[in-house]
């Protein structure tokens, strides 16, 4: 069982079996849902897409909870094995759901490795849905090593947000029927070329609108 303590106005710490995780809350005035977002293996909650969603979605009634895995909180540079990431996520989920409030649905999500964690654990934690940002469908140049099963086995409605030139899987590579928002020109980190008609800020703002629409359609009134 995880235990938790309040450490700052919008930041809370949760003790898990693999170390302390940290949740930073960007709270809607009257939240209709919470979107919990984990980070990738190569960075933290400062990733541009996580920051964009934390800035945009509270105005639409969706509280965004940015979750830092214990390895990041401890200052380590390398992510642990997937099972350790899953252990931390499932352990912190009850506290996260409790802080969300009774009757408020909690959507799991994350970028890259965090998206994989959200998909793998969605059934176990009882997530309302999943938002998978920059889902690493396969290692670059290795499409035969597909991770599509993690996505399709999530067991809840799942939205993929993918850059059009992501080497870990371009939008057309995803299974038929995948709910997908394409970030035009975006790479795995959603950076876009200078020649693109819309810069990264504009592209992510457009994606945030589509994510908000998708969530709103699945949140009980």
N, C-alpha and C. Protein backbone atom coordinates (compact mmCIF):
# COMPACT_ATOMS: atom_id res chain seq x y z
N UNK A 1 0.85 -1.19 0.00
CA UNK A 1 0.00 0.00 0.00
C UNK A 1 0.89 1.24 0.00
N UNK A 2 0.59 2.18 -0.92
CA UNK A 2 1.36 3.42 -0.96
C UNK A 2 0.88 4.35 0.14
N UNK A 3 1.77 5.20 0.62
CA UNK A 3 1.39 6.26 1.55
C UNK A 3 1.78 7.58 0.92
N UNK A 4 1.10 8.66 1.32
CA UNK A 4 1.35 9.91 0.65
C UNK A 4 1.43 11.06 1.65
N UNK A 5 2.12 12.14 1.24
CA UNK A 5 2.20 13.35 2.04
C UNK A 5 2.10 14.55 1.11
N UNK A 6 1.49 15.63 1.59
CA UNK A 6 1.42 16.87 0.83
C UNK A 6 2.72 17.63 1.05
N UNK A 7 3.40 18.03 -0.04
CA UNK A 7 4.69 18.71 0.12
C UNK A 7 4.66 20.16 -0.36
N UNK A 8 3.69 20.55 -1.16
CA UNK A 8 3.62 21.92 -1.67
C UNK A 8 2.21 22.18 -2.12
N UNK A 9 1.93 23.45 -2.52
CA UNK A 9 0.58 23.85 -2.85
C UNK A 9 -0.02 22.97 -3.94
N UNK A 10 0.74 22.66 -4.99
CA UNK A 10 0.20 21.86 -6.08
C UNK A 10 1.06 20.62 -6.34
N UNK A 11 1.88 20.25 -5.41
CA UNK A 11 2.78 19.11 -5.60
C UNK A 11 2.63 18.15 -4.43
N UNK A 12 2.48 16.88 -4.74
CA UNK A 12 2.30 15.87 -3.71
C UNK A 12 3.23 14.69 -3.97
N UNK A 13 3.66 14.07 -2.88
CA UNK A 13 4.56 12.93 -2.96
C UNK A 13 3.83 11.67 -2.55
N UNK A 14 4.07 10.60 -3.28
CA UNK A 14 3.47 9.30 -2.97
C UNK A 14 4.59 8.29 -2.80
N UNK A 15 4.60 7.60 -1.67
CA UNK A 15 5.59 6.54 -1.44
C UNK A 15 5.12 5.26 -2.11
N UNK A 16 5.97 4.68 -2.94
CA UNK A 16 5.65 3.43 -3.62
C UNK A 16 6.70 2.38 -3.24
N UNK A 17 6.48 1.13 -3.57
CA UNK A 17 7.47 0.10 -3.22
C UNK A 17 8.83 0.30 -3.87
N UNK A 18 8.91 1.16 -4.90
CA UNK A 18 10.19 1.37 -5.58
C UNK A 18 10.70 2.80 -5.41
N UNK A 19 10.19 3.50 -4.41
CA UNK A 19 10.64 4.85 -4.13
C UNK A 19 9.52 5.86 -4.22
N UNK A 20 9.81 7.10 -3.86
CA UNK A 20 8.81 8.16 -3.87
C UNK A 20 8.55 8.65 -5.29
N UNK A 21 7.28 8.73 -5.65
CA UNK A 21 6.84 9.39 -6.87
C UNK A 21 6.33 10.77 -6.51
N UNK A 22 6.20 11.64 -7.51
CA UNK A 22 5.75 13.00 -7.24
C UNK A 22 4.70 13.38 -8.28
N UNK A 23 3.64 14.02 -7.81
CA UNK A 23 2.54 14.42 -8.69
C UNK A 23 2.35 15.93 -8.59
N UNK A 24 2.42 16.60 -9.73
CA UNK A 24 2.20 18.04 -9.80
C UNK A 24 0.84 18.28 -10.45
N UNK A 25 -0.02 18.99 -9.73
CA UNK A 25 -1.42 19.17 -10.14
C UNK A 25 -1.63 20.52 -10.82
N UNK A 26 -2.30 20.49 -11.95
CA UNK A 26 -2.77 21.69 -12.65
C UNK A 26 -4.29 21.57 -12.67
N UNK A 27 -4.92 22.23 -11.73
CA UNK A 27 -6.30 21.92 -11.37
C UNK A 27 -7.32 22.82 -12.07
N UNK A 28 -8.33 22.17 -12.63
CA UNK A 28 -9.47 22.90 -13.19
C UNK A 28 -10.34 23.43 -12.06
N UNK A 29 -11.06 24.54 -12.32
CA UNK A 29 -11.92 25.11 -11.29
C UNK A 29 -13.01 24.14 -10.86
N UNK A 30 -13.64 23.51 -11.85
CA UNK A 30 -14.68 22.52 -11.57
C UNK A 30 -14.35 21.27 -12.38
N UNK A 31 -13.43 20.46 -11.89
CA UNK A 31 -12.94 19.34 -12.70
C UNK A 31 -14.01 18.30 -12.99
N UNK A 32 -14.11 17.96 -14.28
CA UNK A 32 -14.99 16.87 -14.71
C UNK A 32 -14.21 15.58 -14.86
N UNK A 33 -12.89 15.69 -14.93
CA UNK A 33 -12.03 14.52 -15.07
C UNK A 33 -10.62 14.92 -14.70
N UNK A 34 -9.79 13.91 -14.46
CA UNK A 34 -8.35 14.10 -14.24
C UNK A 34 -7.61 13.30 -15.30
N UNK A 35 -6.62 13.93 -15.91
CA UNK A 35 -5.72 13.25 -16.84
C UNK A 35 -4.37 13.14 -16.17
N UNK A 36 -3.97 11.92 -15.82
CA UNK A 36 -2.67 11.67 -15.19
C UNK A 36 -1.67 11.32 -16.27
N UNK A 37 -0.58 12.07 -16.36
CA UNK A 37 0.39 11.91 -17.44
C UNK A 37 1.77 11.58 -16.89
N UNK A 38 2.32 10.47 -17.34
CA UNK A 38 3.69 10.10 -17.01
C UNK A 38 4.65 10.56 -18.09
N UNK A 39 5.91 10.68 -17.75
CA UNK A 39 6.93 11.16 -18.68
C UNK A 39 7.61 10.00 -19.38
N UNK A 40 8.53 10.33 -20.27
CA UNK A 40 9.26 9.32 -21.01
C UNK A 40 10.52 8.87 -20.29
N UNK A 41 11.27 7.98 -20.96
CA UNK A 41 12.49 7.44 -20.37
C UNK A 41 13.67 8.40 -20.48
N UNK A 42 13.55 9.40 -21.36
CA UNK A 42 14.66 10.31 -21.58
C UNK A 42 14.45 11.70 -21.02
N UNK A 43 13.40 11.91 -20.25
CA UNK A 43 13.13 13.24 -19.73
C UNK A 43 12.05 13.20 -18.67
N UNK A 44 11.62 14.38 -18.25
CA UNK A 44 10.64 14.46 -17.17
C UNK A 44 9.39 15.20 -17.59
N UNK A 45 8.73 15.79 -16.61
CA UNK A 45 7.44 16.44 -16.86
C UNK A 45 7.60 17.80 -17.52
N UNK A 46 8.84 18.19 -17.82
CA UNK A 46 9.06 19.44 -18.56
C UNK A 46 8.92 19.25 -20.07
N UNK A 47 8.61 18.05 -20.52
CA UNK A 47 8.44 17.79 -21.95
C UNK A 47 7.38 18.72 -22.53
N UNK A 48 7.60 19.18 -23.76
CA UNK A 48 6.75 20.22 -24.35
C UNK A 48 5.28 19.81 -24.44
N UNK A 49 5.01 18.53 -24.74
CA UNK A 49 3.62 18.11 -24.86
C UNK A 49 2.93 18.06 -23.51
N UNK A 50 3.64 17.61 -22.47
CA UNK A 50 3.04 17.57 -21.14
C UNK A 50 2.76 18.98 -20.64
N UNK A 51 3.69 19.88 -20.88
CA UNK A 51 3.51 21.28 -20.47
C UNK A 51 2.32 21.90 -21.21
N UNK A 52 2.21 21.61 -22.51
CA UNK A 52 1.12 22.16 -23.30
C UNK A 52 -0.23 21.69 -22.79
N UNK A 53 -0.35 20.42 -22.48
CA UNK A 53 -1.63 19.90 -21.99
C UNK A 53 -1.96 20.43 -20.60
N UNK A 54 -0.94 20.56 -19.75
CA UNK A 54 -1.17 21.11 -18.42
C UNK A 54 -1.65 22.55 -18.49
N UNK A 55 -1.22 23.27 -19.53
CA UNK A 55 -1.65 24.65 -19.69
C UNK A 55 -3.01 24.80 -20.33
N UNK A 56 -3.39 23.85 -21.19
CA UNK A 56 -4.61 24.01 -21.98
C UNK A 56 -5.84 23.33 -21.40
N UNK A 57 -5.70 22.16 -20.83
CA UNK A 57 -6.87 21.36 -20.50
C UNK A 57 -7.65 21.80 -19.26
N UNK A 58 -7.01 22.39 -18.21
CA UNK A 58 -7.82 22.82 -17.07
C UNK A 58 -8.94 23.78 -17.44
N UNK A 59 -8.75 24.61 -18.45
CA UNK A 59 -9.81 25.53 -18.87
C UNK A 59 -11.01 24.78 -19.44
N UNK A 60 -10.81 23.53 -19.82
CA UNK A 60 -11.89 22.71 -20.35
C UNK A 60 -12.44 21.73 -19.32
N UNK A 61 -12.09 21.95 -18.06
CA UNK A 61 -12.63 21.13 -16.99
C UNK A 61 -11.86 19.86 -16.73
N UNK A 62 -10.64 19.76 -17.27
CA UNK A 62 -9.82 18.56 -17.07
C UNK A 62 -8.58 18.95 -16.25
N UNK A 63 -8.51 18.46 -15.03
CA UNK A 63 -7.31 18.63 -14.22
C UNK A 63 -6.20 17.74 -14.78
N UNK A 64 -5.00 18.27 -14.88
CA UNK A 64 -3.86 17.50 -15.37
C UNK A 64 -2.91 17.25 -14.20
N UNK A 65 -2.62 15.97 -13.97
CA UNK A 65 -1.69 15.57 -12.93
C UNK A 65 -0.44 15.01 -13.59
N UNK A 66 0.67 15.73 -13.47
CA UNK A 66 1.93 15.30 -14.08
C UNK A 66 2.69 14.44 -13.08
N UNK A 67 2.93 13.20 -13.47
CA UNK A 67 3.49 12.21 -12.56
C UNK A 67 4.96 11.97 -12.86
N UNK A 68 5.80 12.17 -11.84
CA UNK A 68 7.23 11.88 -11.96
C UNK A 68 7.51 10.53 -11.32
N UNK A 69 8.08 9.63 -12.11
CA UNK A 69 8.43 8.31 -11.61
C UNK A 69 9.53 8.41 -10.55
N UNK A 70 9.61 7.43 -9.64
CA UNK A 70 10.61 7.50 -8.56
C UNK A 70 12.04 7.66 -9.03
N UNK A 71 12.39 7.09 -10.16
CA UNK A 71 13.78 7.23 -10.61
C UNK A 71 14.13 8.67 -10.94
N UNK A 72 13.15 9.43 -11.45
CA UNK A 72 13.40 10.84 -11.72
C UNK A 72 13.44 11.64 -10.42
N UNK A 73 12.52 11.33 -9.50
CA UNK A 73 12.50 12.03 -8.22
C UNK A 73 13.82 11.84 -7.49
N UNK A 74 14.40 10.65 -7.62
CA UNK A 74 15.66 10.34 -6.94
C UNK A 74 16.88 10.90 -7.66
N UNK A 75 16.66 11.51 -8.84
CA UNK A 75 17.77 12.12 -9.57
C UNK A 75 18.59 11.18 -10.41
N UNK A 76 18.07 9.97 -10.66
CA UNK A 76 18.81 9.04 -11.50
C UNK A 76 18.61 9.37 -12.97
N UNK A 77 19.58 9.01 -13.79
CA UNK A 77 19.54 9.36 -15.21
C UNK A 77 18.92 8.29 -16.09
N UNK A 78 18.94 7.05 -15.63
CA UNK A 78 18.46 5.95 -16.46
C UNK A 78 17.18 5.38 -15.88
N UNK A 79 16.19 5.17 -16.76
CA UNK A 79 14.93 4.58 -16.34
C UNK A 79 15.12 3.10 -16.01
N UNK A 80 14.38 2.60 -15.03
CA UNK A 80 14.48 1.18 -14.69
C UNK A 80 13.68 0.32 -15.67
N UNK A 81 13.61 -0.97 -15.39
CA UNK A 81 12.88 -1.90 -16.25
C UNK A 81 11.40 -1.57 -16.27
N UNK A 82 10.70 -1.93 -17.36
CA UNK A 82 9.27 -1.64 -17.46
C UNK A 82 8.46 -2.13 -16.27
N UNK A 83 8.76 -3.30 -15.73
CA UNK A 83 7.97 -3.80 -14.60
C UNK A 83 8.09 -2.88 -13.39
N UNK A 84 9.26 -2.22 -13.21
CA UNK A 84 9.43 -1.30 -12.10
C UNK A 84 8.60 -0.04 -12.32
N UNK A 85 8.56 0.44 -13.56
CA UNK A 85 7.72 1.60 -13.88
C UNK A 85 6.25 1.27 -13.62
N UNK A 86 5.83 0.07 -14.02
CA UNK A 86 4.44 -0.34 -13.81
C UNK A 86 4.12 -0.46 -12.32
N UNK A 87 5.06 -0.97 -11.54
CA UNK A 87 4.85 -1.10 -10.10
C UNK A 87 4.61 0.24 -9.45
N UNK A 88 5.43 1.25 -9.81
CA UNK A 88 5.25 2.58 -9.24
C UNK A 88 3.91 3.17 -9.64
N UNK A 89 3.56 3.04 -10.91
CA UNK A 89 2.31 3.62 -11.42
C UNK A 89 1.08 3.02 -10.73
N UNK A 90 1.04 1.70 -10.63
CA UNK A 90 -0.11 1.06 -10.01
C UNK A 90 -0.18 1.36 -8.52
N UNK A 91 0.97 1.53 -7.87
CA UNK A 91 0.98 1.83 -6.44
C UNK A 91 0.49 3.23 -6.14
N UNK A 92 0.80 4.19 -7.01
CA UNK A 92 0.40 5.57 -6.74
C UNK A 92 -1.03 5.85 -7.17
N UNK A 93 -1.60 4.98 -8.00
CA UNK A 93 -2.91 5.26 -8.58
C UNK A 93 -4.02 5.45 -7.53
N UNK A 94 -4.11 4.62 -6.47
CA UNK A 94 -5.18 4.85 -5.50
C UNK A 94 -5.13 6.23 -4.86
N UNK A 95 -3.93 6.71 -4.55
CA UNK A 95 -3.81 8.05 -3.97
C UNK A 95 -4.23 9.10 -4.99
N UNK A 96 -3.80 8.92 -6.24
CA UNK A 96 -4.15 9.85 -7.30
C UNK A 96 -5.67 9.91 -7.48
N UNK A 97 -6.32 8.73 -7.52
CA UNK A 97 -7.77 8.69 -7.69
C UNK A 97 -8.48 9.31 -6.50
N UNK A 98 -7.93 9.11 -5.30
CA UNK A 98 -8.55 9.69 -4.11
C UNK A 98 -8.45 11.21 -4.13
N UNK A 99 -7.30 11.73 -4.52
CA UNK A 99 -7.14 13.18 -4.61
C UNK A 99 -8.01 13.77 -5.71
N UNK A 100 -8.30 12.99 -6.75
CA UNK A 100 -9.16 13.48 -7.83
C UNK A 100 -10.55 13.80 -7.30
N UNK A 101 -11.03 13.01 -6.35
CA UNK A 101 -12.33 13.24 -5.76
C UNK A 101 -13.33 12.18 -6.17
N UNK A 102 -14.28 11.94 -5.31
CA UNK A 102 -15.28 10.91 -5.56
C UNK A 102 -16.06 11.20 -6.84
N UNK A 103 -16.18 10.19 -7.66
CA UNK A 103 -16.97 10.31 -8.88
C UNK A 103 -16.29 11.00 -10.04
N UNK A 104 -15.05 11.45 -9.86
CA UNK A 104 -14.32 12.11 -10.95
C UNK A 104 -13.51 11.06 -11.70
N UNK A 105 -13.80 10.81 -12.98
CA UNK A 105 -13.05 9.79 -13.71
C UNK A 105 -11.60 10.19 -13.91
N UNK A 106 -10.71 9.20 -13.83
CA UNK A 106 -9.29 9.45 -14.02
C UNK A 106 -8.82 8.74 -15.28
N UNK A 107 -8.24 9.51 -16.18
CA UNK A 107 -7.71 9.01 -17.44
C UNK A 107 -6.21 8.84 -17.29
N UNK A 108 -5.69 7.70 -17.71
CA UNK A 108 -4.25 7.45 -17.67
C UNK A 108 -3.61 7.93 -18.96
N UNK A 109 -2.38 8.38 -18.87
CA UNK A 109 -1.69 8.82 -20.08
C UNK A 109 -0.21 9.01 -19.83
N UNK A 110 0.46 9.40 -20.86
CA UNK A 110 1.89 9.65 -20.75
C UNK A 110 2.51 9.76 -22.12
N UNK A 111 3.79 10.12 -22.12
CA UNK A 111 4.51 10.22 -23.39
C UNK A 111 5.55 9.11 -23.48
N UNK A 112 5.66 8.52 -24.65
CA UNK A 112 6.66 7.50 -24.95
C UNK A 112 6.59 6.35 -23.95
N UNK A 113 7.65 6.14 -23.14
CA UNK A 113 7.61 5.05 -22.17
C UNK A 113 6.44 5.20 -21.20
N UNK A 114 6.09 6.45 -20.89
CA UNK A 114 4.94 6.69 -20.02
C UNK A 114 3.64 6.27 -20.65
N UNK A 115 3.54 6.39 -21.98
CA UNK A 115 2.35 5.93 -22.69
C UNK A 115 2.25 4.41 -22.61
N UNK A 116 3.39 3.73 -22.72
CA UNK A 116 3.39 2.27 -22.62
C UNK A 116 2.92 1.84 -21.23
N UNK A 117 3.42 2.50 -20.19
CA UNK A 117 2.99 2.19 -18.83
C UNK A 117 1.48 2.36 -18.70
N UNK A 118 0.95 3.47 -19.20
CA UNK A 118 -0.48 3.73 -19.09
C UNK A 118 -1.30 2.64 -19.77
N UNK A 119 -0.85 2.20 -20.94
CA UNK A 119 -1.57 1.14 -21.66
C UNK A 119 -1.48 -0.19 -20.93
N UNK A 120 -0.30 -0.55 -20.47
CA UNK A 120 -0.10 -1.85 -19.84
C UNK A 120 -0.89 -2.00 -18.54
N UNK A 121 -1.12 -0.90 -17.84
CA UNK A 121 -1.74 -0.96 -16.52
C UNK A 121 -3.18 -0.48 -16.49
N UNK A 122 -3.72 -0.07 -17.62
CA UNK A 122 -5.05 0.57 -17.65
C UNK A 122 -6.13 -0.30 -17.02
N UNK A 123 -6.15 -1.57 -17.38
CA UNK A 123 -7.17 -2.46 -16.82
C UNK A 123 -6.99 -2.61 -15.31
N UNK A 124 -5.75 -2.82 -14.88
CA UNK A 124 -5.49 -3.09 -13.46
C UNK A 124 -5.89 -1.92 -12.57
N UNK A 125 -5.58 -0.70 -13.01
CA UNK A 125 -5.88 0.45 -12.14
C UNK A 125 -7.30 0.97 -12.32
N UNK A 126 -7.99 0.53 -13.35
CA UNK A 126 -9.35 1.01 -13.59
C UNK A 126 -9.40 2.37 -14.25
N UNK A 127 -8.45 2.64 -15.13
CA UNK A 127 -8.44 3.93 -15.84
C UNK A 127 -9.69 4.07 -16.69
N UNK A 128 -10.20 5.28 -16.77
CA UNK A 128 -11.39 5.56 -17.57
C UNK A 128 -11.08 5.50 -19.07
N UNK A 129 -9.88 5.89 -19.44
CA UNK A 129 -9.41 5.89 -20.83
C UNK A 129 -7.90 6.08 -20.79
N UNK A 130 -7.28 6.10 -21.97
CA UNK A 130 -5.84 6.32 -22.07
C UNK A 130 -5.56 7.35 -23.15
N UNK A 131 -4.63 8.27 -22.88
CA UNK A 131 -4.11 9.19 -23.88
C UNK A 131 -2.62 8.88 -24.02
N UNK A 132 -2.24 8.36 -25.20
CA UNK A 132 -0.87 7.91 -25.45
C UNK A 132 -0.16 8.90 -26.36
N UNK A 133 0.78 9.65 -25.79
CA UNK A 133 1.52 10.66 -26.53
C UNK A 133 2.83 10.06 -27.04
N UNK A 134 3.09 10.20 -28.34
CA UNK A 134 4.34 9.69 -28.93
C UNK A 134 4.56 8.23 -28.56
N UNK A 135 3.54 7.41 -28.77
CA UNK A 135 3.65 6.00 -28.42
C UNK A 135 4.76 5.35 -29.24
N UNK A 136 5.74 4.70 -28.58
CA UNK A 136 6.86 4.09 -29.31
C UNK A 136 6.44 2.73 -29.88
N UNK A 137 5.83 2.76 -31.04
CA UNK A 137 5.26 1.55 -31.63
C UNK A 137 6.33 0.49 -31.89
N UNK A 138 7.54 0.94 -32.19
CA UNK A 138 8.66 0.02 -32.40
C UNK A 138 9.96 0.81 -32.26
N UNK A 139 11.08 0.15 -32.02
CA UNK A 139 12.36 0.88 -32.03
C UNK A 139 12.61 1.45 -33.42
N UNK A 140 13.32 2.58 -33.52
CA UNK A 140 13.58 3.17 -34.84
C UNK A 140 14.24 2.16 -35.79
N UNK A 141 13.64 2.06 -36.97
CA UNK A 141 14.18 1.17 -37.99
C UNK A 141 13.90 -0.30 -37.77
N UNK A 142 13.10 -0.64 -36.75
CA UNK A 142 12.81 -2.03 -36.45
C UNK A 142 11.31 -2.28 -36.37
N UNK A 143 10.57 -2.07 -37.45
CA UNK A 143 9.11 -2.24 -37.39
C UNK A 143 8.67 -3.65 -37.04
N UNK A 144 9.55 -4.64 -37.24
CA UNK A 144 9.19 -6.01 -36.90
C UNK A 144 9.08 -6.23 -35.40
N UNK A 145 9.63 -5.31 -34.61
CA UNK A 145 9.56 -5.41 -33.14
C UNK A 145 8.41 -4.54 -32.63
N UNK A 146 7.22 -4.84 -33.10
CA UNK A 146 6.05 -4.01 -32.81
C UNK A 146 5.58 -4.17 -31.37
N UNK A 147 5.15 -3.04 -30.81
CA UNK A 147 4.53 -3.03 -29.48
C UNK A 147 3.04 -2.75 -29.58
N UNK A 148 2.47 -3.01 -30.74
CA UNK A 148 1.05 -2.71 -30.96
C UNK A 148 0.15 -3.42 -29.96
N UNK A 149 0.56 -4.60 -29.51
CA UNK A 149 -0.28 -5.35 -28.58
C UNK A 149 -0.49 -4.59 -27.27
N UNK A 150 0.52 -3.86 -26.81
CA UNK A 150 0.35 -3.07 -25.59
C UNK A 150 -0.76 -2.05 -25.77
N UNK A 151 -0.83 -1.49 -26.95
CA UNK A 151 -1.83 -0.47 -27.25
C UNK A 151 -3.22 -1.08 -27.37
N UNK A 152 -3.32 -2.13 -28.16
CA UNK A 152 -4.63 -2.72 -28.43
C UNK A 152 -5.18 -3.48 -27.23
N UNK A 153 -4.30 -3.90 -26.31
CA UNK A 153 -4.75 -4.64 -25.12
C UNK A 153 -5.06 -3.74 -23.94
N UNK A 154 -5.03 -2.43 -24.13
CA UNK A 154 -5.27 -1.52 -23.00
C UNK A 154 -6.63 -1.77 -22.36
N UNK A 155 -7.62 -2.13 -23.17
CA UNK A 155 -8.92 -2.50 -22.62
C UNK A 155 -9.85 -1.35 -22.34
N UNK A 156 -9.44 -0.13 -22.66
CA UNK A 156 -10.27 1.06 -22.47
C UNK A 156 -10.10 1.93 -23.71
N UNK A 157 -11.01 2.90 -23.95
CA UNK A 157 -10.81 3.80 -25.09
C UNK A 157 -9.44 4.46 -25.03
N UNK A 158 -8.73 4.44 -26.16
CA UNK A 158 -7.35 4.92 -26.20
C UNK A 158 -7.15 5.87 -27.37
N UNK A 159 -6.55 7.01 -27.10
CA UNK A 159 -6.21 7.99 -28.12
C UNK A 159 -4.70 8.08 -28.25
N UNK A 160 -4.21 7.96 -29.48
CA UNK A 160 -2.78 8.11 -29.77
C UNK A 160 -2.55 9.49 -30.37
N UNK A 161 -1.54 10.19 -29.89
CA UNK A 161 -1.13 11.49 -30.46
C UNK A 161 0.29 11.30 -30.97
N UNK A 162 0.46 11.37 -32.30
CA UNK A 162 1.71 10.95 -32.91
C UNK A 162 2.21 11.96 -33.94
N UNK A 163 3.51 12.25 -33.91
CA UNK A 163 4.11 13.10 -34.92
C UNK A 163 4.18 12.40 -36.26
N UNK A 164 4.02 13.16 -37.33
CA UNK A 164 3.99 12.56 -38.67
C UNK A 164 5.33 11.98 -39.09
N UNK A 165 6.43 12.40 -38.44
CA UNK A 165 7.74 11.86 -38.79
C UNK A 165 8.44 11.22 -37.58
N UNK A 166 7.64 10.64 -36.69
CA UNK A 166 8.19 9.98 -35.51
C UNK A 166 8.87 8.67 -35.93
N UNK A 167 10.19 8.52 -35.70
CA UNK A 167 10.88 7.30 -36.10
C UNK A 167 10.47 6.08 -35.29
N UNK A 168 9.79 6.30 -34.18
CA UNK A 168 9.30 5.18 -33.37
C UNK A 168 7.93 4.68 -33.85
N UNK A 169 7.45 5.24 -34.94
CA UNK A 169 6.16 4.82 -35.48
C UNK A 169 5.40 6.01 -36.04
N UNK A 170 5.23 6.01 -37.35
CA UNK A 170 4.45 7.08 -37.98
C UNK A 170 2.96 6.75 -37.93
N UNK A 171 2.10 7.75 -38.02
CA UNK A 171 0.66 7.49 -37.88
C UNK A 171 0.14 6.35 -38.76
N UNK A 172 0.61 6.25 -39.99
CA UNK A 172 0.09 5.22 -40.89
C UNK A 172 0.46 3.81 -40.46
N UNK A 173 1.42 3.67 -39.56
CA UNK A 173 1.86 2.35 -39.11
C UNK A 173 0.98 1.77 -38.01
N UNK A 174 0.11 2.56 -37.43
CA UNK A 174 -0.71 2.08 -36.32
C UNK A 174 -1.85 1.19 -36.82
N UNK A 175 -2.33 0.28 -35.98
CA UNK A 175 -3.39 -0.63 -36.40
C UNK A 175 -4.63 0.13 -36.89
N UNK A 176 -5.31 -0.47 -37.85
CA UNK A 176 -6.57 0.11 -38.34
C UNK A 176 -7.53 0.29 -37.18
N UNK A 177 -8.24 1.40 -37.20
CA UNK A 177 -9.22 1.67 -36.16
C UNK A 177 -8.67 2.42 -34.96
N UNK A 178 -7.36 2.70 -34.94
CA UNK A 178 -6.77 3.46 -33.83
C UNK A 178 -7.28 4.90 -33.84
N UNK A 179 -7.79 5.37 -32.71
CA UNK A 179 -8.11 6.80 -32.58
C UNK A 179 -6.79 7.55 -32.54
N UNK A 180 -6.56 8.45 -33.49
CA UNK A 180 -5.24 9.05 -33.61
C UNK A 180 -5.32 10.51 -34.00
N UNK A 181 -4.54 11.32 -33.29
CA UNK A 181 -4.35 12.73 -33.63
C UNK A 181 -2.93 12.86 -34.17
N UNK A 182 -2.79 13.37 -35.38
CA UNK A 182 -1.47 13.54 -35.99
C UNK A 182 -0.95 14.95 -35.74
N UNK A 183 0.31 15.03 -35.33
CA UNK A 183 0.97 16.33 -35.18
C UNK A 183 1.80 16.54 -36.45
N UNK A 184 1.34 17.39 -37.37
CA UNK A 184 2.03 17.54 -38.66
C UNK A 184 3.48 17.97 -38.49
N UNK A 185 4.39 17.20 -39.10
CA UNK A 185 5.80 17.52 -39.04
C UNK A 185 6.49 17.14 -37.76
N UNK A 186 5.73 16.65 -36.78
CA UNK A 186 6.31 16.38 -35.48
C UNK A 186 7.19 15.14 -35.45
N UNK A 187 8.29 15.23 -34.69
CA UNK A 187 9.14 14.06 -34.46
C UNK A 187 8.71 13.41 -33.15
N UNK A 188 9.57 12.58 -32.55
CA UNK A 188 9.18 11.87 -31.33
C UNK A 188 8.96 12.83 -30.17
N UNK A 189 9.65 13.96 -30.17
CA UNK A 189 9.46 14.96 -29.13
C UNK A 189 8.52 16.07 -29.54
N UNK A 190 7.85 15.89 -30.70
CA UNK A 190 6.92 16.87 -31.27
C UNK A 190 7.60 18.17 -31.69
N UNK A 191 8.90 18.11 -31.94
CA UNK A 191 9.56 19.24 -32.61
C UNK A 191 9.18 19.19 -34.09
N UNK A 192 9.05 20.36 -34.71
CA UNK A 192 8.70 20.42 -36.13
C UNK A 192 9.78 21.19 -36.88
N UNK A 193 9.95 20.93 -38.17
CA UNK A 193 10.97 21.65 -38.94
C UNK A 193 10.65 23.14 -39.05
N UNK A 194 11.68 23.93 -39.27
CA UNK A 194 11.46 25.38 -39.45
C UNK A 194 10.60 25.68 -40.66
N UNK A 195 10.63 24.78 -41.63
CA UNK A 195 9.86 24.99 -42.85
C UNK A 195 8.37 24.65 -42.68
N UNK A 196 8.00 24.10 -41.53
CA UNK A 196 6.61 23.71 -41.31
C UNK A 196 5.71 24.95 -41.26
N UNK A 197 4.48 24.83 -41.74
CA UNK A 197 3.58 25.99 -41.72
C UNK A 197 3.18 26.43 -40.33
N UNK A 198 3.26 25.52 -39.36
CA UNK A 198 2.92 25.84 -37.97
C UNK A 198 4.07 25.40 -37.08
N UNK A 199 4.46 26.25 -36.13
CA UNK A 199 5.56 25.88 -35.25
C UNK A 199 5.08 24.87 -34.20
N UNK A 200 6.02 24.39 -33.37
CA UNK A 200 5.68 23.35 -32.39
C UNK A 200 4.61 23.82 -31.42
N UNK A 201 4.67 25.09 -31.02
CA UNK A 201 3.67 25.61 -30.08
C UNK A 201 2.28 25.55 -30.70
N UNK A 202 2.18 25.99 -31.96
CA UNK A 202 0.89 25.97 -32.63
C UNK A 202 0.40 24.56 -32.88
N UNK A 203 1.31 23.66 -33.26
CA UNK A 203 0.93 22.28 -33.53
C UNK A 203 0.42 21.60 -32.27
N UNK A 204 1.09 21.85 -31.14
CA UNK A 204 0.66 21.23 -29.90
C UNK A 204 -0.63 21.86 -29.38
N UNK A 205 -0.83 23.15 -29.63
CA UNK A 205 -2.09 23.78 -29.23
C UNK A 205 -3.25 23.15 -29.98
N UNK A 206 -3.04 22.90 -31.28
CA UNK A 206 -4.09 22.25 -32.06
C UNK A 206 -4.35 20.84 -31.56
N UNK A 207 -3.26 20.12 -31.24
CA UNK A 207 -3.41 18.76 -30.72
C UNK A 207 -4.14 18.78 -29.38
N UNK A 208 -3.83 19.75 -28.52
CA UNK A 208 -4.49 19.84 -27.22
C UNK A 208 -5.99 20.05 -27.38
N UNK A 209 -6.38 20.83 -28.38
CA UNK A 209 -7.81 21.03 -28.65
C UNK A 209 -8.48 19.72 -29.02
N UNK A 210 -7.82 18.94 -29.88
CA UNK A 210 -8.39 17.66 -30.29
C UNK A 210 -8.44 16.67 -29.13
N UNK A 211 -7.41 16.68 -28.31
CA UNK A 211 -7.41 15.82 -27.13
C UNK A 211 -8.55 16.21 -26.20
N UNK A 212 -8.72 17.52 -25.99
CA UNK A 212 -9.82 17.99 -25.16
C UNK A 212 -11.17 17.58 -25.70
N UNK A 213 -11.34 17.65 -27.02
CA UNK A 213 -12.60 17.22 -27.64
C UNK A 213 -12.84 15.74 -27.40
N UNK A 214 -11.78 14.93 -27.58
CA UNK A 214 -11.89 13.48 -27.41
C UNK A 214 -12.26 13.14 -25.97
N UNK A 215 -11.59 13.81 -25.02
CA UNK A 215 -11.89 13.55 -23.62
C UNK A 215 -13.30 13.97 -23.26
N UNK A 216 -13.71 15.15 -23.71
CA UNK A 216 -15.04 15.65 -23.39
C UNK A 216 -16.12 14.70 -23.86
N UNK A 217 -15.90 14.09 -25.02
CA UNK A 217 -16.90 13.15 -25.56
C UNK A 217 -17.00 11.89 -24.72
N UNK A 218 -16.00 11.63 -23.87
CA UNK A 218 -15.98 10.40 -23.07
C UNK A 218 -16.12 10.63 -21.59
N UNK A 219 -16.32 11.88 -21.19
CA UNK A 219 -16.50 12.20 -19.78
C UNK A 219 -17.99 12.29 -19.48
N UNK A 220 -18.48 11.60 -18.46
CA UNK A 220 -19.89 11.71 -18.12
C UNK A 220 -20.28 13.15 -17.82
N UNK A 221 -21.44 13.55 -18.30
CA UNK A 221 -21.91 14.93 -18.08
C UNK A 221 -22.22 15.16 -16.60
